[in-house]
PDB file of N, CA and C in Angstrom:
ATOM      1  N   MET A   1      84.131 100.877 101.585  1.00  0.00           N
ATOM      2  CA  MET A   1      84.927 100.144 102.545  1.00  0.00           C
ATOM      3  C   MET A   1      85.460 101.113 103.592  1.00  0.00           C
ATOM      4  N   GLY A   2      85.331 100.766 104.858  1.00  0.00           N
ATOM      5  CA  GLY A   2      85.766 101.639 105.939  1.00  0.00           C
ATOM      6  C   GLY A   2      87.262 101.571 106.168  1.00  0.00           C
ATOM      7  N   ILE A   3      87.680 102.128 107.279  1.00  0.00           N
ATOM      8  CA  ILE A   3      89.099 102.138 107.640  1.00  0.00           C
ATOM      9  C   ILE A   3      89.527 100.719 107.984  1.00  0.00           C
ATOM     10  N   GLN A   4      90.612 100.264 107.376  1.00  0.00           N
ATOM     11  CA  GLN A   4      91.161  98.956 107.707  1.00  0.00           C
ATOM     12  C   GLN A   4      91.936  99.100 109.006  1.00  0.00           C
ATOM     13  N   ARG A   5      91.639  98.234 109.945  1.00  0.00           N
ATOM     14  CA  ARG A   5      92.302  98.305 111.242  1.00  0.00           C
ATOM     15  C   ARG A   5      92.922  96.953 111.563  1.00  0.00           C
ATOM     16  N   LEU A   6      94.177  96.977 111.972  1.00  0.00           N
ATOM     17  CA  LEU A   6      94.844  95.773 112.433  1.00  0.00           C
ATOM     18  C   LEU A   6      94.753  95.778 113.946  1.00  0.00           C
ATOM     19  N   SER A   7      94.102  94.810 114.489  1.00  0.00           N
ATOM     20  CA  SER A   7      93.891  94.826 115.921  1.00  0.00           C
ATOM     21  C   SER A   7      94.203  93.462 116.506  1.00  0.00           C
ATOM     22  N   PRO A   8      95.210  93.306 117.286  1.00  0.00           N
ATOM     23  CA  PRO A   8      96.310  94.252 117.453  1.00  0.00           C
ATOM     24  C   PRO A   8      97.289  94.145 116.289  1.00  0.00           C
ATOM     25  N   VAL A   9      98.203  95.057 116.249  1.00  0.00           N
ATOM     26  CA  VAL A   9      99.255  95.028 115.239  1.00  0.00           C
ATOM     27  C   VAL A   9     100.110  93.788 115.527  1.00  0.00           C
ATOM     28  N   PRO A  10     100.462  92.999 114.514  1.00  0.00           N
ATOM     29  CA  PRO A  10     101.246  91.781 114.750  1.00  0.00           C
ATOM     30  C   PRO A  10     102.512  92.051 115.569  1.00  0.00           C
ATOM     31  N   LYS A  11     102.802  91.122 116.479  1.00  0.00           N
ATOM     32  CA  LYS A  11     103.918  91.276 117.415  1.00  0.00           C
ATOM     33  C   LYS A  11     105.246  91.531 116.701  1.00  0.00           C
ATOM     34  N   ARG A  12     105.512  90.788 115.659  1.00  0.00           N
ATOM     35  CA  ARG A  12     106.790  90.946 114.946  1.00  0.00           C
ATOM     36  C   ARG A  12     106.944  92.363 114.393  1.00  0.00           C
ATOM     37  N   ALA A  13     105.866  92.902 113.841  1.00  0.00           N
ATOM     38  CA  ALA A  13     105.904  94.264 113.298  1.00  0.00           C
ATOM     39  C   ALA A  13     106.144  95.275 114.416  1.00  0.00           C
ATOM     40  N   ARG A  14     105.446  95.094 115.532  1.00  0.00           N
ATOM     41  CA  ARG A  14     105.612  96.018 116.665  1.00  0.00           C
ATOM     42  C   ARG A  14     107.043  95.996 117.186  1.00  0.00           C
ATOM     43  N   GLU A  15     107.615  94.807 117.294  1.00  0.00           N
ATOM     44  CA  GLU A  15     108.983  94.688 117.805  1.00  0.00           C
ATOM     45  C   GLU A  15     109.992  95.343 116.857  1.00  0.00           C
ATOM     46  N   ARG A  16     109.800  95.148 115.557  1.00  0.00           N
ATOM     47  CA  ARG A  16     110.714  95.771 114.584  1.00  0.00           C
ATOM     48  C   ARG A  16     110.623  97.287 114.648  1.00  0.00           C
ATOM     49  N   MET A  17     109.416  97.815 114.772  1.00  0.00           N
ATOM     50  CA  MET A  17     109.220  99.262 114.848  1.00  0.00           C
ATOM     51  C   MET A  17     109.885  99.817 116.114  1.00  0.00           C
ATOM     52  N   ARG A  18     109.699  99.130 117.229  1.00  0.00           N
ATOM     53  CA  ARG A  18     110.295  99.593 118.484  1.00  0.00           C
ATOM     54  C   ARG A  18     111.818  99.572 118.407  1.00  0.00           C
ATOM     55  N   ARG A  19     112.375  98.464 117.892  1.00  0.00           N
ATOM     56  CA  ARG A  19     113.841  98.381 117.771  1.00  0.00           C
ATOM     57  C   ARG A  19     114.391  99.483 116.874  1.00  0.00           C
ATOM     58  N   ARG A  20     113.729  99.727 115.752  1.00  0.00           N
ATOM     59  CA  ARG A  20     114.194 100.767 114.826  1.00  0.00           C
ATOM     60  C   ARG A  20     114.126 102.135 115.489  1.00  0.00           C
ATOM     61  N   ARG A  21     113.010 102.408 116.177  1.00  0.00           N
ATOM     62  CA  ARG A  21     112.846 103.703 116.842  1.00  0.00           C
ATOM     63  C   ARG A  21     113.977 103.931 117.836  1.00  0.00           C
ATOM     64  N   LYS A  22     114.273 102.904 118.641  1.00  0.00           N
ATOM     65  CA  LYS A  22     115.330 103.032 119.646  1.00  0.00           C
ATOM     66  C   LYS A  22     116.701 103.160 118.991  1.00  0.00           C
ATOM     67  N   LYS A  23     116.949 102.400 117.925  1.00  0.00           N
ATOM     68  CA  LYS A  23     118.228 102.467 117.219  1.00  0.00           C
ATOM     69  C   LYS A  23     118.448 103.850 116.620  1.00  0.00           C
ATOM     70  N   MET A  24     117.362 104.484 116.168  1.00  0.00           N
ATOM     71  CA  MET A  24     117.455 105.827 115.598  1.00  0.00           C
ATOM     72  C   MET A  24     117.550 106.901 116.677  1.00  0.00           C
ATOM     73  N   GLY A  25     117.391 106.488 117.945  1.00  0.00           N
ATOM     74  CA  GLY A  25     117.470 107.440 119.049  1.00  0.00           C
ATOM     75  C   GLY A  25     116.258 108.347 119.158  1.00  0.00           C
ATOM     76  N   ILE A  26     115.121 107.867 118.705  1.00  0.00           N
ATOM     77  CA  ILE A  26     113.888 108.663 118.753  1.00  0.00           C
ATOM     78  C   ILE A  26     113.045 108.191 119.932  1.00  0.00           C
ATOM     79  N   SER A  27     112.699 109.113 120.807  1.00  0.00           N
ATOM     80  CA  SER A  27     111.856 108.746 121.938  1.00  0.00           C
ATOM     81  C   SER A  27     110.429 108.512 121.459  1.00  0.00           C
ATOM     82  N   LEU A  28     109.676 107.795 122.265  1.00  0.00           N
ATOM     83  CA  LEU A  28     108.270 107.536 121.952  1.00  0.00           C
ATOM     84  C   LEU A  28     107.512 108.853 121.831  1.00  0.00           C
ATOM     85  N   ALA A  29     107.789 109.786 122.739  1.00  0.00           N
ATOM     86  CA  ALA A  29     107.120 111.096 122.723  1.00  0.00           C
ATOM     87  C   ALA A  29     107.449 111.876 121.450  1.00  0.00           C
ATOM     88  N   ALA A  30     108.718 111.830 121.017  1.00  0.00           N
ATOM     89  CA  ALA A  30     109.121 112.554 119.809  1.00  0.00           C
ATOM     90  C   ALA A  30     108.459 111.959 118.569  1.00  0.00           C
ATOM     91  N   LEU A  31     108.404 110.620 118.500  1.00  0.00           N
ATOM     92  CA  LEU A  31     107.755 109.979 117.359  1.00  0.00           C
ATOM     93  C   LEU A  31     106.261 110.278 117.351  1.00  0.00           C
ATOM     94  N   ALA A  32     105.638 110.215 118.516  1.00  0.00           N
ATOM     95  CA  ALA A  32     104.211 110.509 118.619  1.00  0.00           C
ATOM     96  C   ALA A  32     103.930 111.941 118.164  1.00  0.00           C
ATOM     97  N   ASP A  33     104.783 112.861 118.572  1.00  0.00           N
ATOM     98  CA  ASP A  33     104.629 114.258 118.162  1.00  0.00           C
ATOM     99  C   ASP A  33     104.768 114.401 116.643  1.00  0.00           C
ATOM    100  N   ARG A  34     105.727 113.705 116.084  1.00  0.00           N
ATOM    101  CA  ARG A  34     105.951 113.728 114.635  1.00  0.00           C
ATOM    102  C   ARG A  34     104.743 113.175 113.874  1.00  0.00           C
ATOM    103  N   LEU A  35     104.071 112.188 114.476  1.00  0.00           N
ATOM    104  CA  LEU A  35     102.922 111.550 113.831  1.00  0.00           C
ATOM    105  C   LEU A  35     101.593 112.218 114.173  1.00  0.00           C
ATOM    106  N   GLY A  36     101.631 113.170 115.099  1.00  0.00           N
ATOM    107  CA  GLY A  36     100.395 113.863 115.479  1.00  0.00           C
ATOM    108  C   GLY A  36      99.476 113.037 116.346  1.00  0.00           C
ATOM    109  N   THR A  37     100.060 112.215 117.200  1.00  0.00           N
ATOM    110  CA  THR A  37      99.276 111.401 118.124  1.00  0.00           C
ATOM    111  C   THR A  37      99.901 111.514 119.508  1.00  0.00           C
ATOM    112  N   SER A  38      99.300 110.884 120.492  1.00  0.00           N
ATOM    113  CA  SER A  38      99.856 110.951 121.848  1.00  0.00           C
ATOM    114  C   SER A  38     100.842 109.807 122.063  1.00  0.00           C
ATOM    115  N   ASN A  39     101.791 110.034 122.978  1.00  0.00           N
ATOM    116  CA  ASN A  39     102.733 108.959 123.275  1.00  0.00           C
ATOM    117  C   ASN A  39     102.035 107.795 123.965  1.00  0.00           C
ATOM    118  N   VAL A  40     100.946 108.061 124.687  1.00  0.00           N
ATOM    119  CA  VAL A  40     100.167 106.990 125.327  1.00  0.00           C
ATOM    120  C   VAL A  40      99.564 106.098 124.245  1.00  0.00           C
ATOM    121  N   ASN A  41      98.991 106.713 123.224  1.00  0.00           N
ATOM    122  CA  ASN A  41      98.388 105.963 122.126  1.00  0.00           C
ATOM    123  C   ASN A  41      99.438 105.115 121.413  1.00  0.00           C
ATOM    124  N   LEU A  42     100.572 105.705 121.098  1.00  0.00           N
ATOM    125  CA  LEU A  42     101.639 104.989 120.409  1.00  0.00           C
ATOM    126  C   LEU A  42     102.193 103.864 121.278  1.00  0.00           C
ATOM    127  N   SER A  43     102.324 104.104 122.570  1.00  0.00           N
ATOM    128  CA  SER A  43     102.797 103.088 123.499  1.00  0.00           C
ATOM    129  C   SER A  43     101.840 101.896 123.529  1.00  0.00           C
ATOM    130  N   ARG A  44     100.557 102.153 123.527  1.00  0.00           N
ATOM    131  CA  ARG A  44      99.562 101.068 123.531  1.00  0.00           C
ATOM    132  C   ARG A  44      99.667 100.231 122.260  1.00  0.00           C
ATOM    133  N   ILE A  45      99.922 100.882 121.134  1.00  0.00           N
ATOM    134  CA  ILE A  45     100.085 100.149 119.881  1.00  0.00           C
ATOM    135  C   ILE A  45     101.358  99.311 119.935  1.00  0.00           C
ATOM    136  N   GLU A  46     102.464  99.912 120.378  1.00  0.00           N
ATOM    137  CA  GLU A  46     103.745  99.192 120.479  1.00  0.00           C
ATOM    138  C   GLU A  46     103.647  97.981 121.397  1.00  0.00           C
ATOM    139  N   ASN A  47     102.806  98.068 122.419  1.00  0.00           N
ATOM    140  CA  ASN A  47     102.681  96.991 123.396  1.00  0.00           C
ATOM    141  C   ASN A  47     101.532  96.033 123.101  1.00  0.00           C
ATOM    142  N   GLY A  48     100.877  96.204 121.968  1.00  0.00           N
ATOM    143  CA  GLY A  48      99.814  95.284 121.562  1.00  0.00           C
ATOM    144  C   GLY A  48      98.502  95.464 122.298  1.00  0.00           C
ATOM    145  N   LEU A  49      98.334  96.611 122.952  1.00  0.00           N
ATOM    146  CA  LEU A  49      97.108  96.861 123.711  1.00  0.00           C
ATOM    147  C   LEU A  49      96.052  97.587 122.890  1.00  0.00           C
ATOM    148  N   ARG A  50      96.447  98.033 121.712  1.00  0.00           N
ATOM    149  CA  ARG A  50      95.523  98.773 120.848  1.00  0.00           C
ATOM    150  C   ARG A  50      95.890  98.488 119.408  1.00  0.00           C
ATOM    151  N   GLY A  51      94.886  98.438 118.566  1.00  0.00           N
ATOM    152  CA  GLY A  51      95.114  98.272 117.140  1.00  0.00           C
ATOM    153  C   GLY A  51      95.404  99.620 116.499  1.00  0.00           C
ATOM    154  N   SER A  52      95.643  99.595 115.217  1.00  0.00           N
ATOM    155  CA  SER A  52      95.938 100.822 114.490  1.00  0.00           C
ATOM    156  C   SER A  52      95.379 100.706 113.085  1.00  0.00           C
ATOM    157  N   SER A  53      95.064 101.836 112.495  1.00  0.00           N
ATOM    158  CA  SER A  53      94.618 101.813 111.104  1.00  0.00           C
ATOM    159  C   SER A  53      95.819 101.552 110.205  1.00  0.00           C
ATOM    160  N   VAL A  54      95.553 101.012 109.042  1.00  0.00           N
ATOM    161  CA  VAL A  54      96.615 100.759 108.075  1.00  0.00           C
ATOM    162  C   VAL A  54      97.270 102.079 107.682  1.00  0.00           C
ATOM    163  N   LYS A  55      96.464 103.114 107.532  1.00  0.00           N
ATOM    164  CA  LYS A  55      96.983 104.436 107.171  1.00  0.00           C
ATOM    165  C   LYS A  55      97.994 104.923 108.220  1.00  0.00           C
ATOM    166  N   ASP A  56      97.634 104.797 109.501  1.00  0.00           N
ATOM    167  CA  ASP A  56      98.543 105.238 110.565  1.00  0.00           C
ATOM    168  C   ASP A  56      99.798 104.376 110.627  1.00  0.00           C
ATOM    169  N   LEU A  57      99.656 103.073 110.372  1.00  0.00           N
ATOM    170  CA  LEU A  57     100.833 102.205 110.364  1.00  0.00           C
ATOM    171  C   LEU A  57     101.787 102.578 109.238  1.00  0.00           C
ATOM    172  N   ARG A  58     101.229 102.940 108.094  1.00  0.00           N
ATOM    173  CA  ARG A  58     102.080 103.386 106.981  1.00  0.00           C
ATOM    174  C   ARG A  58     102.866 104.637 107.378  1.00  0.00           C
ATOM    175  N   ARG A  59     102.188 105.597 108.016  1.00  0.00           N
ATOM    176  CA  ARG A  59     102.845 106.831 108.449  1.00  0.00           C
ATOM    177  C   ARG A  59     103.930 106.520 109.482  1.00  0.00           C
ATOM    178  N   TRP A  60     103.617 105.638 110.412  1.00  0.00           N
ATOM    179  CA  TRP A  60     104.540 105.241 111.469  1.00  0.00           C
ATOM    180  C   TRP A  60     105.771 104.586 110.851  1.00  0.00           C
ATOM    181  N   GLY A  61     105.541 103.639 109.961  1.00  0.00           N
ATOM    182  CA  GLY A  61     106.645 102.960 109.299  1.00  0.00           C
ATOM    183  C   GLY A  61     107.488 103.913 108.471  1.00  0.00           C
ATOM    184  N   HIS A  62     106.835 104.807 107.738  1.00  0.00           N
ATOM    185  CA  HIS A  62     107.551 105.773 106.912  1.00  0.00           C
ATOM    186  C   HIS A  62     108.464 106.655 107.763  1.00  0.00           C
ATOM    187  N   ALA A  63     107.977 107.066 108.923  1.00  0.00           N
ATOM    188  CA  ALA A  63     108.773 107.906 109.827  1.00  0.00           C
ATOM    189  C   ALA A  63     110.028 107.177 110.301  1.00  0.00           C
ATOM    190  N   LEU A  64     109.973 105.835 110.290  1.00  0.00           N
ATOM    191  CA  LEU A  64     111.110 105.038 110.750  1.00  0.00           C
ATOM    192  C   LEU A  64     111.876 104.397 109.593  1.00  0.00           C
ATOM    193  N   GLY A  65     111.505 104.735 108.365  1.00  0.00           N
ATOM    194  CA  GLY A  65     112.217 104.210 107.206  1.00  0.00           C
ATOM    195  C   GLY A  65     111.755 102.851 106.725  1.00  0.00           C
ATOM    196  N   PHE A  66     110.553 102.452 107.099  1.00  0.00           N
ATOM    197  CA  PHE A  66     109.989 101.174 106.663  1.00  0.00           C
ATOM    198  C   PHE A  66     108.944 101.394 105.577  1.00  0.00           C
ATOM    199  N   LYS A  67     108.729 100.376 104.768  1.00  0.00           N
ATOM    200  CA  LYS A  67     107.620 100.352 103.830  1.00  0.00           C
ATOM    201  C   LYS A  67     106.680  99.253 104.309  1.00  0.00           C
ATOM    202  N   LEU A  68     105.439  99.605 104.538  1.00  0.00           N
ATOM    203  CA  LEU A  68     104.469  98.661 105.075  1.00  0.00           C
ATOM    204  C   LEU A  68     104.007  97.684 104.000  1.00  0.00           C
ATOM    205  N   LYS A  69     104.061  96.417 104.326  1.00  0.00           N
ATOM    206  CA  LYS A  69     103.527  95.373 103.453  1.00  0.00           C
ATOM    207  C   LYS A  69     102.522  94.585 104.274  1.00  0.00           C
ATOM    208  N   ILE A  70     101.342  94.423 103.728  1.00  0.00           N
ATOM    209  CA  ILE A  70     100.307  93.674 104.433  1.00  0.00           C
ATOM    210  C   ILE A  70     100.011  92.416 103.631  1.00  0.00           C
ATOM    211  N   TYR A  71     100.141  91.307 104.289  1.00  0.00           N
ATOM    212  CA  TYR A  71      99.835  90.029 103.664  1.00  0.00           C
ATOM    213  C   TYR A  71      98.499  89.543 104.206  1.00  0.00           C
ATOM    214  N   PRO A  72      97.552  89.277 103.325  1.00  0.00           N
ATOM    215  CA  PRO A  72      96.257  88.804 103.809  1.00  0.00           C
ATOM    216  C   PRO A  72      96.401  87.462 104.502  1.00  0.00           C
ATOM    217  N   PRO A  73      95.472  87.182 105.412  1.00  0.00           N
ATOM    218  CA  PRO A  73      95.555  85.891 106.100  1.00  0.00           C
ATOM    219  C   PRO A  73      95.458  84.747 105.094  1.00  0.00           C
ATOM    220  N   LYS A  74      96.135  83.707 105.409  1.00  0.00           N
ATOM    221  CA  LYS A  74      96.127  82.531 104.546  1.00  0.00           C
ATOM    222  C   LYS A  74      94.755  81.858 104.636  1.00  0.00           C
ATOM    223  N   VAL A  75      94.203  81.566 103.505  1.00  0.00           N
ATOM    224  CA  VAL A  75      92.910  80.885 103.459  1.00  0.00           C
ATOM    225  C   VAL A  75      93.122  79.540 102.786  1.00  0.00           C
ATOM    226  N   SER A  76      92.620  78.510 103.391  1.00  0.00           N
ATOM    227  CA  SER A  76      92.736  77.199 102.761  1.00  0.00           C
ATOM    228  C   SER A  76      91.358  76.559 102.697  1.00  0.00           C
ATOM    229  N   PHE A  77      91.174  75.789 101.682  1.00  0.00           N
ATOM    230  CA  PHE A  77      89.903  75.104 101.491  1.00  0.00           C
ATOM    231  C   PHE A  77      90.141  73.606 101.636  1.00  0.00           C
ATOM    232  N   HIS A  78      89.243  72.970 102.323  1.00  0.00           N
ATOM    233  CA  HIS A  78      89.338  71.535 102.530  1.00  0.00           C
ATOM    234  C   HIS A  78      88.124  70.869 101.916  1.00  0.00           C
ATOM    235  N   ARG A  79      88.350  69.707 101.388  1.00  0.00           N
ATOM    236  CA  ARG A  79      87.260  68.958 100.787  1.00  0.00           C
ATOM    237  C   ARG A  79      86.249  68.577 101.852  1.00  0.00           C
ATOM    238  N   ARG A  80      85.005  68.787 101.532  1.00  0.00           N
ATOM    239  CA  ARG A  80      83.924  68.470 102.458  1.00  0.00           C
ATOM    240  C   ARG A  80      83.298  67.145 102.040  1.00  0.00           C
ATOM    241  N   ASP A  81      83.044  66.291 103.006  1.00  0.00           N
ATOM    242  CA  ASP A  81      82.369  65.020 102.707  1.00  0.00           C
ATOM    243  C   ASP A  81      80.955  65.314 102.232  1.00  0.00           C
ATOM    244  N   THR A  82      80.549  64.716 101.167  1.00  0.00           N
ATOM    245  CA  THR A  82      79.201  64.946 100.619  1.00  0.00           C
ATOM    246  C   THR A  82      78.378  63.675 100.702  1.00  0.00           C
ATOM    247  N   LYS A  83      78.103  63.262 101.903  1.00  0.00           N
ATOM    248  CA  LYS A  83      77.285  62.038 102.104  1.00  0.00           C
ATOM    249  C   LYS A  83      75.829  62.370 102.194  1.00  0.00           C
TER     250      LYS A  83
END
């Protein structure tokens, strides 16, 4: 199985990460440096213009004091007419 990528990262998650980063007083550039990525890349993820790997999201969340939880998409089955 390859790298799991969320593309784009869900809006609610992005907003929570941004609010936490700002509340902690961490600039985008400082967080990007801490994570070993560019601030442009991190900005694109925060703004929903780029997806991210699950591994990178875990690192990002950990840096901000979050624990990443991924809920699989809801799947529902409907009865099919068998005529």
